[in-house]
């Protein structure tokens, strides 16, 4: 059975598991990919604490680079899946070609702009005189690999969109394994410290990017990147940008959130509090990336069957996605609440940072049990091509709720550090509740309307 026939005919439970498991493994490997630098850096003798904080401050810039890749990849891949469901392979290839060309252009622009403004931005993000040198060392190398990072993240979405979950997983796994091997060599053996971590990252991303493009121009893929489709057309790229706006905002606002957290915590708790926030944000990555793997596995099934008019399969896929996402978010929330020091100790041996992070983790992740609802519903809107609702929900949690609360709550709570951290669980619970209510109404209306049109 071909990959596309599987999306239309195979048992939903078996299909979702077969697509989601490699995606989850890929996301977990990606998580290691993102965090292994911090783990190695945090244990560098003598400078580990300051170096960890410095690299943590670079997170908004790294998120900005990834967010633009997600804007194109997550905007284009569901639309390509829908076209495949409609049996319009040529349109799907046109979308993918436009997305590839856009990623190349965005990579060059981002690299130039971030090289020019990185020092000023890092100071704005909470870097101090002690931690800025480490932040600059890391970014001066990391930015060289911007185009590789964009390709490996953005174009990998088109591999997943066709149902090639294992190939997509390999994209991330190959890069992660290379990064894990090179990190200790460059950091400790060659004594490159922070620069070594950055160099290991861009080499591994370059290999991942090569793997992605090698597959997408081969005969193994259902749709291929072709030269004739590389000319960017407004009527193709505009819907991509509209649909990708929601995951783009979800990701890029993580950068603004880190800025808000770091600047506030620097004010109230100094470098130790900022270093602890690096660990707190890592805990949220442990929460989100497996959920992203689940939704990544479900997306081609839902998008394809929505395009094909198979609404019963669509609803069944969402049901299993919702149950799995909710169960994981509850279990991980409980683990963090009961074992915060175990998690914090992975990143540093600095006792002051571990103590602050352990206290903060219990508060920061207290509302994360509800995030499974938020992610399952919001990503389903994206799979169905519903850009407006998904965009609103992305804006709600982070821009309308979280960022204002970071600055408002310290005015009413004596412990300012606790007040800043408390903004996270409050916004998580309110956003998840709102998302669940909206999804129930809009999802029902969308399916009803589509059935009427098809009849």
Foldseek 3Di string as FASTA:
>chain_A
DDLLVCLVDPDLVVLLCVQLVLLLLLLVLVLCLVCVLLLVQLADPPCNLLLSLLQLLCVLLVLLLLLVLLLLQLLLLLVLLLCVLLVNQVLNLLLLLQSLLVLQVVLVVSLVVCVVCVLVSSVLLARDPSNSVSNCLLCVLQSVLSSLSSQLNNLLLNCLLSVVNNLSSVLSNQLSVQLNVQQCCQCPVVVVRSNSSSNSNSVSSNVSNVSSQVVQCDPVDPHHNDPVSNDHDCVSVVSSSLLSLLSSLLRSLVSVLSSLLNVLCCVQPNSLLSSLVSLLVSLVSVLVSSLVSSLSSLLSSLSSCLSNVVVVSNVVSLVVSLVVLLVSQQVSLVCCLVPVLVSLVSRHPPVSSSVSNSVLSNQLSVQSSLVSLVSSLLSSCSSNSNRPVSNVLSCQLRPVQQSVQLVPQCVPDVNNSSSNSNSNNVSSNVSSVVSNVVSVVVVVVVSVVSVVVVD
